[in-house]
Amino acid sequence: MEKEAAALTEETQYMIDKHVRKETENVESSGDAKEMRAVILAGFGGLNKLRVTKKAMPEPRDGEVKIRVKACGLNFLDLMVRQGTIDNPPKPPLVPGFECSGIVESVGENTTGFEIGDRVMAFVNYNAWAEVVCTPVDFVYKMPEEMTFAEAAAFSLNFVAAYMMLFEVANLREGMSVLVHSAGGGVGQAVAQLCSTVPNVTVFGIASCFKHAAIKDSVTHLFDRNVDYIQEVKKISPEGVDIVLDCLCGDNTGKGLTLLRPLGTYILYGASNLVTGETKSFFSFAKSWWQVEKVNPIKLYEENKVIAGFSLLNLLFKHGKCSLVKSVMDKLFCLYDQKKIKPVVDSLWALEEVKEAMQKIHDRGNIGKLILDVEKSPTPLMASDSTETSEAGEEEEEPEGDNDSKERMPFIH
């Protein structure tokens, strides 16, 4: 009887343990379903501030769409966010990223126009670099049938910005000429493709020498950033150009204004010259500010020149021009369906490889757009450096003085 009792006790305990394990697994599974992987910026600074962690999955509020993210766009602006060189950044820790593509997983109340399973691309006011995002329906667009998720993530910011600068701000027309800096980047390639949709437009591209072979067919004339491109342009077009698109700032502002023809338009849409080393540099900021030519309104009046600025994200999130951007997106989708434009994707990176991807942009090594592919498996050596299991995504601070050793000379394309 004692043996039978002991056997019964062991069996009972086994069943209890099995039941507990099953309940625990169910709880963990349920918890996992409510969490997601995301890139966390723990604080402003260098690449060491980035980590991939688990965080709570968002749920859509009224008027929002919940998207299971497939791909995210990586832009030079994201480097400036990481360094804290933009105006009024949100307080970290935060999830970076402003654009993504994926599949609609659910919609909030009072949300119309989208159904579960729709393939979409979206603008996000931060939080894009995650497995799931929620964003207002006004910032979401259905993808063309033939467009891939990587192409969609490379499409939104680059092509909308390029289109609006060319056609909404500068009024590009037949026979005009355009000079674009960073011609090998995502916006630069979008500008080149859109210019080709207008007859007899001359495109002067400025890019690093190593990119020339890859992009020479996309522009009319191509120059090295390190040469005196003003003289090279004027050899071909003595009167200058009609439109200058500048994402660099610094001394290029004065050069751009010098190159403008009467009734020409200079547009500043970035300030990548502010980024030299891995972390924020007050010296670079001061140098770039000092090099910017002080604009005299009387001189603009006398020379019949226009100077403008353009920020697509401010237009969307601060100025409320969602309907205007949607109309532009519709026009761009038509051009895409007609095979007149196509996003140029440089490479795909796993979330855990975000540091390496960001370094490539910093080094101006990309031709077209870098994409974070949420479903891509990371290269082991890269993953070990970018993955963090903590909720906060924090890490040990680098010793003071390290940043100086990591300071890089600018390699502007």
Protein backbone atom coordinates (compact mmCIF):
# COMPACT_ATOMS: atom_id res chain seq x y z
CA MET A 1 0.00 0.00 0.00
CA GLU A 2 2.86 2.35 0.84
CA LYS A 3 4.43 1.71 -2.59
CA GLU A 4 1.12 2.34 -4.31
CA ALA A 5 0.66 5.55 -2.32
CA ALA A 6 4.17 6.68 -3.20
CA ALA A 7 3.59 5.91 -6.87
CA LEU A 8 0.31 7.80 -6.76
CA THR A 9 2.03 10.76 -5.10
CA GLU A 10 4.77 10.82 -7.77
CA GLU A 11 2.17 10.61 -10.55
CA THR A 12 0.12 13.37 -8.95
CA GLN A 13 3.18 15.57 -8.56
CA TYR A 14 4.14 14.88 -12.19
CA MET A 15 0.68 15.92 -13.37
CA ILE A 16 0.83 19.07 -11.22
CA ASP A 17 4.28 19.99 -12.57
CA LYS A 18 3.14 19.34 -16.14
CA HIS A 19 0.07 21.50 -15.61
CA VAL A 20 2.17 24.31 -14.10
CA ARG A 21 4.65 24.17 -16.99
CA LYS A 22 1.79 24.31 -19.48
CA GLU A 23 0.22 27.28 -17.70
CA THR A 24 3.58 29.05 -17.59
CA GLU A 25 4.14 28.43 -21.29
CA ASN A 26 0.68 29.81 -22.05
CA VAL A 27 1.38 32.93 -19.98
CA GLU A 28 4.74 33.44 -21.68
CA SER A 29 3.18 32.89 -25.09
CA SER A 30 0.45 35.37 -24.26
CA GLY A 31 3.06 37.85 -23.06
CA ASP A 32 5.12 37.42 -26.22
CA ALA A 33 2.05 38.13 -28.32
CA LYS A 34 1.78 41.53 -26.62
CA GLU A 35 5.43 42.41 -27.04
CA MET A 36 7.49 43.27 -30.08
CA ARG A 37 11.07 43.87 -31.12
CA ALA A 38 12.04 47.49 -31.64
CA VAL A 39 15.16 49.60 -32.06
CA ILE A 40 15.56 51.78 -28.98
CA LEU A 41 17.61 54.97 -28.82
CA ALA A 42 18.55 55.09 -25.13
CA GLY A 43 20.06 58.57 -25.32
CA PHE A 44 21.53 61.02 -27.80
CA GLY A 45 25.03 60.23 -28.95
CA GLY A 46 26.92 57.58 -30.87
CA LEU A 47 26.02 54.18 -32.25
CA ASN A 48 26.36 52.69 -28.76
CA LYS A 49 23.04 54.34 -27.86
CA LEU A 50 21.11 51.98 -30.17
CA ARG A 51 19.76 48.61 -29.04
CA VAL A 52 17.13 46.13 -30.20
CA THR A 53 14.85 45.27 -27.29
CA LYS A 54 11.40 43.95 -26.47
CA LYS A 55 8.75 46.52 -25.68
CA ALA A 56 4.99 46.66 -25.33
CA MET A 57 3.09 46.39 -28.58
CA PRO A 58 0.90 49.43 -29.33
CA GLU A 59 -2.81 49.19 -30.04
CA PRO A 60 -4.65 51.54 -32.41
CA ARG A 61 -6.63 54.44 -31.03
CA ASP A 62 -9.52 56.19 -32.75
CA GLY A 63 -8.60 57.03 -36.33
CA GLU A 64 -5.42 54.94 -36.31
CA VAL A 65 -4.17 51.94 -38.27
CA LYS A 66 -2.10 49.16 -36.70
CA ILE A 67 0.55 47.87 -39.10
CA ARG A 68 2.61 44.70 -38.89
CA VAL A 69 5.85 46.17 -40.23
CA LYS A 70 7.81 44.44 -42.97
CA ALA A 71 10.36 47.12 -43.86
CA CYS A 72 11.50 50.54 -42.59
CA GLY A 73 13.35 53.34 -44.32
CA LEU A 74 16.66 54.63 -42.98
CA ASN A 75 17.45 58.28 -43.73
CA PHE A 76 20.27 60.70 -42.98
CA LEU A 77 17.81 62.54 -40.75
CA ASP A 78 17.83 59.48 -38.47
CA LEU A 79 21.55 60.06 -37.84
CA MET A 80 20.79 63.61 -36.80
CA VAL A 81 18.04 62.35 -34.49
CA ARG A 82 20.47 59.89 -32.91
CA GLN A 83 23.02 62.63 -32.30
CA GLY A 84 20.41 65.07 -31.01
CA THR A 85 21.23 67.72 -33.62
CA ILE A 86 17.60 68.34 -34.63
CA ASP A 87 15.34 70.98 -33.07
CA ASN A 88 13.12 69.89 -30.18
CA PRO A 89 13.73 66.13 -30.32
CA PRO A 90 11.55 63.94 -28.08
CA LYS A 91 13.12 62.84 -24.84
CA PRO A 92 14.82 59.41 -25.06
CA PRO A 93 14.44 56.52 -24.75
CA LEU A 94 12.58 56.51 -28.05
CA VAL A 95 12.05 54.38 -31.15
CA PRO A 96 13.48 56.17 -34.22
CA GLY A 97 12.18 56.04 -37.78
CA PHE A 98 9.65 57.97 -39.84
CA GLU A 99 8.50 55.61 -42.61
CA CYS A 100 7.60 51.96 -42.99
CA SER A 101 5.64 49.43 -45.01
CA GLY A 102 3.68 46.38 -43.94
CA ILE A 103 0.29 44.75 -43.54
CA VAL A 104 -2.73 46.17 -41.73
CA GLU A 105 -3.29 44.08 -38.61
CA SER A 106 -6.20 46.01 -37.14
CA VAL A 107 -7.86 49.42 -37.19
CA GLY A 108 -9.10 51.67 -34.42
CA GLU A 109 -12.63 52.90 -34.02
CA ASN A 110 -13.85 55.46 -36.52
CA THR A 111 -11.14 54.37 -38.96
CA THR A 112 -12.25 53.84 -42.56
CA GLY A 113 -10.57 53.12 -45.86
CA PHE A 114 -8.44 50.17 -44.76
CA GLU A 115 -9.09 46.52 -44.00
CA ILE A 116 -7.11 43.84 -42.23
CA GLY A 117 -4.60 42.38 -44.67
CA ASP A 118 -4.13 45.53 -46.80
CA ARG A 119 -0.55 46.10 -47.96
CA VAL A 120 0.35 49.66 -46.97
CA MET A 121 3.11 52.20 -46.57
CA ALA A 122 3.00 54.88 -43.91
CA PHE A 123 4.59 57.94 -42.40
CA VAL A 124 5.14 57.71 -38.64
CA ASN A 125 6.07 60.49 -36.24
CA TYR A 126 8.90 58.38 -34.76
CA ASN A 127 8.42 54.69 -33.72
CA ALA A 128 8.80 53.23 -37.24
CA TRP A 129 11.73 50.92 -36.44
CA ALA A 130 9.64 48.24 -34.78
CA GLU A 131 7.68 45.10 -35.61
CA VAL A 132 4.36 46.93 -35.11
CA VAL A 133 3.39 50.60 -35.45
CA CYS A 134 0.17 52.56 -35.05
CA THR A 135 -0.28 55.77 -37.00
CA PRO A 136 -3.21 58.03 -37.97
CA VAL A 137 -5.08 56.93 -41.07
CA ASP A 138 -4.19 60.20 -42.84
CA PHE A 139 -0.57 59.05 -43.00
CA VAL A 140 -1.27 55.59 -44.48
CA TYR A 141 -1.43 54.68 -48.19
CA LYS A 142 -2.22 51.45 -50.01
CA MET A 143 0.74 50.07 -51.92
CA PRO A 144 0.64 49.46 -55.69
CA GLU A 145 0.21 45.77 -56.42
CA GLU A 146 3.63 45.25 -57.98
CA MET A 147 5.56 47.19 -55.33
CA THR A 148 7.61 45.21 -52.81
CA PHE A 149 7.72 46.09 -49.12
CA ALA A 150 11.36 47.18 -49.46
CA GLU A 151 10.48 49.48 -52.37
CA ALA A 152 7.55 50.91 -50.42
CA ALA A 153 9.79 51.75 -47.47
CA ALA A 154 12.17 53.46 -49.92
CA PHE A 155 9.37 55.35 -51.66
CA SER A 156 7.47 57.57 -49.26
CA LEU A 157 9.90 60.17 -47.95
CA ASN A 158 12.25 60.24 -50.92
CA PHE A 159 9.80 60.53 -53.78
CA VAL A 160 7.27 62.77 -52.04
CA ALA A 161 10.04 65.17 -50.98
CA ALA A 162 11.60 65.14 -54.46
CA TYR A 163 8.25 65.68 -56.20
CA MET A 164 7.12 68.51 -53.95
CA MET A 165 10.43 70.36 -54.19
CA LEU A 166 10.53 70.07 -57.98
CA PHE A 167 6.89 70.70 -58.84
CA GLU A 168 5.22 72.37 -55.84
CA VAL A 169 8.05 74.69 -54.77
CA ALA A 170 10.27 75.21 -57.84
CA ASN A 171 7.63 74.68 -60.56
CA LEU A 172 9.81 72.48 -62.80
CA ARG A 173 8.92 72.80 -66.46
CA GLU A 174 10.19 71.69 -69.85
CA GLY A 175 13.67 72.91 -70.76
CA MET A 176 14.77 73.82 -67.22
CA SER A 177 17.95 72.73 -65.43
CA VAL A 178 18.41 71.23 -61.96
CA LEU A 179 21.48 70.80 -59.76
CA VAL A 180 21.14 68.19 -57.03
CA HIS A 181 23.63 67.36 -54.29
CA SER A 182 24.02 63.78 -53.05
CA ALA A 183 22.83 62.55 -56.43
CA GLY A 184 23.55 58.96 -55.46
CA GLY A 185 21.31 59.01 -52.38
CA GLY A 186 17.65 58.12 -52.11
CA VAL A 187 16.32 61.64 -52.70
CA GLY A 188 18.95 62.34 -55.37
CA GLN A 189 17.92 59.30 -57.38
CA ALA A 190 14.23 60.18 -56.96
CA VAL A 191 14.96 63.70 -58.25
CA ALA A 192 16.77 62.31 -61.28
CA GLN A 193 13.92 59.94 -62.15
CA LEU A 194 11.23 62.62 -61.75
CA CYS A 195 13.21 65.06 -63.90
CA SER A 196 13.22 62.44 -66.65
CA THR A 197 9.42 62.62 -66.77
CA VAL A 198 9.63 66.23 -68.03
CA PRO A 199 10.97 66.85 -71.56
CA ASN A 200 14.39 68.37 -72.05
CA VAL A 201 15.37 68.82 -68.39
CA THR A 202 19.11 68.98 -67.71
CA VAL A 203 20.25 67.43 -64.43
CA PHE A 204 23.62 68.29 -62.89
CA GLY A 205 24.49 65.74 -60.21
CA ILE A 206 27.12 66.06 -57.48
CA ALA A 207 28.34 62.78 -56.00
CA SER A 208 31.40 60.92 -54.73
CA CYS A 209 33.62 59.53 -57.46
CA PHE A 210 33.07 55.89 -56.52
CA LYS A 211 29.33 56.29 -57.24
CA HIS A 212 29.73 57.76 -60.72
CA ALA A 213 29.76 54.48 -62.62
CA ALA A 214 26.52 53.36 -60.97
CA ILE A 215 24.54 56.59 -61.42
CA LYS A 216 26.01 58.22 -64.53
CA ASP A 217 23.03 57.21 -66.67
CA SER A 218 20.53 58.82 -64.29
CA VAL A 219 21.78 62.39 -64.72
CA THR A 220 22.90 64.56 -67.64
CA HIS A 221 26.18 65.75 -66.13
CA LEU A 222 27.98 64.32 -63.10
CA PHE A 223 30.66 66.00 -61.00
CA ASP A 224 32.82 65.05 -58.05
CA ARG A 225 31.93 66.80 -54.81
CA ASN A 226 35.61 67.56 -54.22
CA VAL A 227 36.11 69.60 -57.40
CA ASP A 228 35.05 73.19 -58.07
CA TYR A 229 31.63 72.22 -59.40
CA ILE A 230 30.59 75.86 -59.86
CA GLN A 231 33.16 76.33 -62.61
CA GLU A 232 32.34 72.93 -64.14
CA VAL A 233 28.63 73.76 -64.30
CA LYS A 234 29.26 77.22 -65.76
CA LYS A 235 31.44 75.74 -68.51
CA ILE A 236 28.33 73.88 -69.70
CA SER A 237 25.70 76.44 -68.68
CA PRO A 238 27.25 79.93 -68.31
CA GLU A 239 24.00 81.41 -66.97
CA GLY A 240 23.78 78.77 -64.24
CA VAL A 241 20.79 76.58 -63.38
CA ASP A 242 17.09 77.07 -62.63
CA ILE A 243 16.86 74.89 -59.51
CA VAL A 244 19.38 73.95 -56.82
CA LEU A 245 18.46 71.21 -54.32
CA ASP A 246 20.79 71.31 -51.34
CA CYS A 247 20.80 68.77 -48.49
CA LEU A 248 24.27 69.77 -47.24
CA CYS A 249 24.10 73.42 -46.13
CA GLY A 250 27.30 75.15 -45.01
CA ASP A 251 29.30 76.80 -47.80
CA ASN A 252 27.16 75.02 -50.40
CA THR A 253 24.38 77.52 -49.69
CA GLY A 254 26.40 80.40 -51.08
CA LYS A 255 27.59 78.30 -54.02
CA GLY A 256 24.02 77.32 -54.83
CA LEU A 257 22.79 80.90 -54.80
CA THR A 258 25.69 81.88 -57.04
CA LEU A 259 24.69 79.25 -59.59
CA LEU A 260 21.07 80.36 -59.83
CA ARG A 261 19.78 81.98 -63.00
CA PRO A 262 17.34 84.91 -62.73
CA LEU A 263 14.00 83.52 -61.47
CA GLY A 264 15.85 80.47 -60.22
CA THR A 265 15.02 78.68 -56.93
CA TYR A 266 17.43 77.41 -54.28
CA ILE A 267 15.87 74.87 -51.87
CA LEU A 268 17.50 73.71 -48.65
CA TYR A 269 16.07 70.40 -47.45
CA GLY A 270 18.77 69.09 -45.14
CA ALA A 271 21.98 69.91 -43.30
CA SER A 272 24.15 66.80 -43.47
CA ASN A 273 27.33 68.89 -43.17
CA LEU A 274 26.46 69.14 -39.48
CA VAL A 275 27.26 65.44 -39.13
CA THR A 276 30.99 64.73 -39.19
CA GLY A 277 31.90 62.42 -36.30
CA GLU A 278 29.82 59.73 -34.65
CA THR A 279 28.49 62.11 -32.01
CA LYS A 280 27.24 65.67 -32.04
CA SER A 281 29.99 68.19 -32.76
CA PHE A 282 29.51 71.81 -31.72
CA PHE A 283 32.53 72.68 -33.85
CA SER A 284 30.87 71.23 -36.97
CA PHE A 285 27.65 73.03 -36.12
CA ALA A 286 29.44 76.36 -35.66
CA LYS A 287 31.53 75.88 -38.79
CA SER A 288 28.49 75.06 -40.92
CA TRP A 289 26.56 78.03 -39.51
CA TRP A 290 29.52 80.35 -40.14
CA GLN A 291 29.91 79.16 -43.74
CA VAL A 292 26.28 79.82 -44.63
CA GLU A 293 26.12 82.95 -46.70
CA LYS A 294 24.06 85.60 -44.96
CA VAL A 295 21.13 86.18 -47.29
CA ASN A 296 20.39 89.79 -48.15
CA PRO A 297 16.74 90.19 -49.20
CA ILE A 298 17.63 93.27 -51.27
CA LYS A 299 20.15 91.19 -53.22
CA LEU A 300 17.52 88.52 -53.87
CA TYR A 301 15.20 91.25 -55.12
CA GLU A 302 17.85 92.74 -57.40
CA GLU A 303 18.93 89.37 -58.84
CA ASN A 304 15.41 87.89 -59.13
CA LYS A 305 16.31 84.80 -57.12
CA VAL A 306 14.23 82.67 -54.76
CA ILE A 307 15.47 80.88 -51.64
CA ALA A 308 13.24 78.30 -49.95
CA GLY A 309 13.28 75.57 -47.34
CA PHE A 310 11.47 72.24 -47.37
CA SER A 311 10.74 69.72 -44.61
CA LEU A 312 8.27 66.99 -45.51
CA LEU A 313 7.92 65.76 -41.93
CA ASN A 314 7.08 69.24 -40.64
CA LEU A 315 4.62 69.63 -43.50
CA LEU A 316 2.88 66.45 -42.35
CA PHE A 317 3.14 66.50 -38.58
CA LYS A 318 3.23 70.23 -37.80
CA HIS A 319 1.50 71.99 -40.69
CA GLY A 320 -1.26 69.44 -41.28
CA LYS A 321 -0.88 69.20 -45.06
CA CYS A 322 -1.97 65.54 -45.22
CA SER A 323 -4.40 66.05 -48.10
CA LEU A 324 -1.73 67.77 -50.20
CA VAL A 325 0.74 64.96 -49.55
CA LYS A 326 -1.94 62.38 -50.41
CA SER A 327 -2.58 64.06 -53.76
CA VAL A 328 1.15 63.96 -54.47
CA MET A 329 1.29 60.29 -53.49
CA ASP A 330 -1.54 59.51 -55.92
CA LYS A 331 0.41 61.17 -58.75
CA LEU A 332 3.53 59.24 -57.80
CA PHE A 333 1.64 55.94 -57.78
CA CYS A 334 0.48 56.66 -61.33
CA LEU A 335 4.08 57.27 -62.41
CA TYR A 336 5.12 54.05 -60.68
CA ASP A 337 2.38 52.05 -62.39
CA GLN A 338 3.51 53.54 -65.71
CA LYS A 339 7.04 52.30 -64.85
CA LYS A 340 8.43 55.83 -65.10
CA ILE A 341 9.83 55.80 -61.56
CA LYS A 342 11.14 53.04 -59.30
CA PRO A 343 12.77 53.30 -55.87
CA VAL A 344 16.46 52.43 -55.77
CA VAL A 345 17.19 50.11 -52.83
CA ASP A 346 20.85 49.96 -51.84
CA SER A 347 20.66 47.09 -49.35
CA LEU A 348 18.56 45.31 -46.72
CA TRP A 349 19.54 45.12 -43.05
CA ALA A 350 18.09 43.31 -40.06
CA LEU A 351 16.95 45.39 -37.08
CA GLU A 352 19.93 44.03 -35.18
CA GLU A 353 22.23 45.42 -37.89
CA VAL A 354 21.00 48.99 -37.48
CA LYS A 355 24.38 50.23 -36.27
CA GLU A 356 26.17 48.96 -39.35
CA ALA A 357 23.46 50.33 -41.63
CA MET A 358 23.65 53.71 -39.94
CA GLN A 359 27.44 53.73 -40.28
CA LYS A 360 27.13 53.11 -44.02
CA ILE A 361 24.90 56.16 -44.37
CA HIS A 362 27.30 58.17 -42.22
CA ASP A 363 30.14 57.21 -44.58
CA ARG A 364 27.97 58.20 -47.57
CA GLY A 365 28.48 54.70 -48.92
CA ASN A 366 24.94 54.04 -50.15
CA ILE A 367 23.50 54.31 -53.64
CA GLY A 368 19.78 54.70 -53.12
CA LYS A 369 18.01 53.73 -49.92
CA LEU A 370 19.03 51.55 -47.00
CA ILE A 371 16.17 49.44 -45.66
CA LEU A 372 15.66 47.75 -42.30
CA ASP A 373 14.03 44.41 -43.11
CA VAL A 374 12.13 43.36 -39.99
CA GLU A 375 12.02 39.69 -41.02
CA LYS A 376 15.66 39.44 -42.08
CA SER A 377 17.95 37.29 -39.95
CA PRO A 378 20.99 39.24 -38.77
CA THR A 379 24.57 38.34 -39.46
CA PRO A 380 25.77 36.77 -36.15
CA LEU A 381 28.71 39.13 -35.60
CA MET A 382 26.47 42.15 -36.11
CA ALA A 383 23.57 40.82 -34.04
CA SER A 384 25.73 40.25 -30.96
CA ASP A 385 26.61 43.93 -30.83
CA SER A 386 23.14 45.40 -31.34
CA THR A 387 20.86 43.13 -29.33
CA GLU A 388 19.92 43.99 -25.78
CA THR A 389 17.50 42.09 -23.57
CA SER A 390 16.69 44.86 -21.10
CA GLU A 391 13.47 46.85 -21.33
CA ALA A 392 15.24 50.21 -21.21
CA GLY A 393 17.78 49.39 -23.86
CA GLU A 394 20.48 50.99 -21.71
CA GLU A 395 24.16 50.18 -21.63
CA GLU A 396 27.36 51.32 -20.06
CA GLU A 397 28.51 54.77 -21.06
CA GLU A 398 31.67 55.03 -23.13
CA PRO A 399 34.63 56.51 -21.25
CA GLU A 400 35.05 60.21 -21.79
CA GLY A 401 37.47 60.94 -24.57
CA ASP A 402 36.35 58.02 -26.73
CA ASN A 403 34.31 60.25 -28.96
CA ASP A 404 37.39 62.18 -30.02
CA SER A 405 39.09 59.02 -31.18
CA LYS A 406 36.00 58.10 -33.17
CA GLU A 407 35.68 61.51 -34.85
CA ARG A 408 35.67 61.02 -38.63
CA MET A 409 36.62 63.40 -41.35
CA PRO A 410 33.57 64.30 -43.44
CA PHE A 411 33.20 62.35 -46.65
CA ILE A 412 30.50 64.33 -48.41
CA HIS A 413 29.05 63.05 -51.67
